[in-house]
């Protein structure tokens, strides 16, 4: 897994959402890819939108 911080992970989640992914699915995808917490990504992305 790549070492990325939460902000970078959220940016990746929001890119997937912009491409049409559902936020929950995008958070799961990026959580698997980065090792970040899915819930952490989801909550942070919700606040960042």
Protein backbone atom coordinates (compact mmCIF):
# COMPACT_ATOMS: atom_id res chain seq x y z
CA UNK A 1 0.00 0.00 0.00
CA UNK A 2 1.19 3.49 -0.77
CA UNK A 3 1.90 5.83 2.11
CA UNK A 4 -0.47 8.75 1.72
CA UNK A 5 -1.97 11.08 4.27
CA UNK A 6 -5.69 11.52 4.79
CA UNK A 7 -5.87 14.74 2.77
CA UNK A 8 -4.31 13.03 -0.24
CA UNK A 9 -6.65 10.09 0.18
CA UNK A 10 -9.69 12.35 0.35
CA UNK A 11 -8.56 14.09 -2.84
CA UNK A 12 -8.44 10.69 -4.56
CA UNK A 13 -11.88 9.77 -3.21
CA UNK A 14 -13.35 13.02 -4.52
CA UNK A 15 -11.75 12.40 -7.93
CA UNK A 16 -13.53 9.04 -8.14
CA UNK A 17 -16.79 10.69 -7.07
CA UNK A 18 -16.32 13.31 -9.77
CA UNK A 19 -16.01 10.44 -12.25
CA UNK A 20 -19.37 9.10 -11.10
CA UNK A 21 -18.52 6.73 -8.24
CA UNK A 22 -20.66 6.67 -5.11
CA UNK A 23 -18.86 8.18 -2.13
CA UNK A 24 -19.06 4.98 -0.07
CA UNK A 25 -17.64 2.92 -2.95
CA UNK A 26 -14.90 5.45 -3.63
CA UNK A 27 -13.90 5.50 0.04
CA UNK A 28 -13.66 1.71 0.03
CA UNK A 29 -11.55 1.67 -3.11
CA UNK A 30 -9.09 4.25 -1.80
CA UNK A 31 -9.01 2.65 1.66
CA UNK A 32 -7.91 -0.63 0.07
CA UNK A 33 -5.38 1.11 -2.17
CA UNK A 34 -3.80 3.24 0.57
CA UNK A 35 -4.36 1.47 3.86
CA UNK A 36 -6.24 4.47 5.21
CA UNK A 37 -9.41 3.88 7.20
CA UNK A 38 -12.55 3.66 5.08
CA UNK A 39 -14.64 5.45 7.70
CA UNK A 40 -12.01 8.15 8.12
CA UNK A 41 -11.91 8.72 4.37
CA UNK A 42 -15.69 8.72 4.08
CA UNK A 43 -16.23 11.24 6.87
CA UNK A 44 -13.43 13.52 5.69
CA UNK A 45 -14.68 13.41 2.11
CA UNK A 46 -18.20 14.28 3.24
CA UNK A 47 -16.86 17.37 4.98
CA UNK A 48 -14.59 18.30 2.08
CA UNK A 49 -17.28 18.24 -0.62
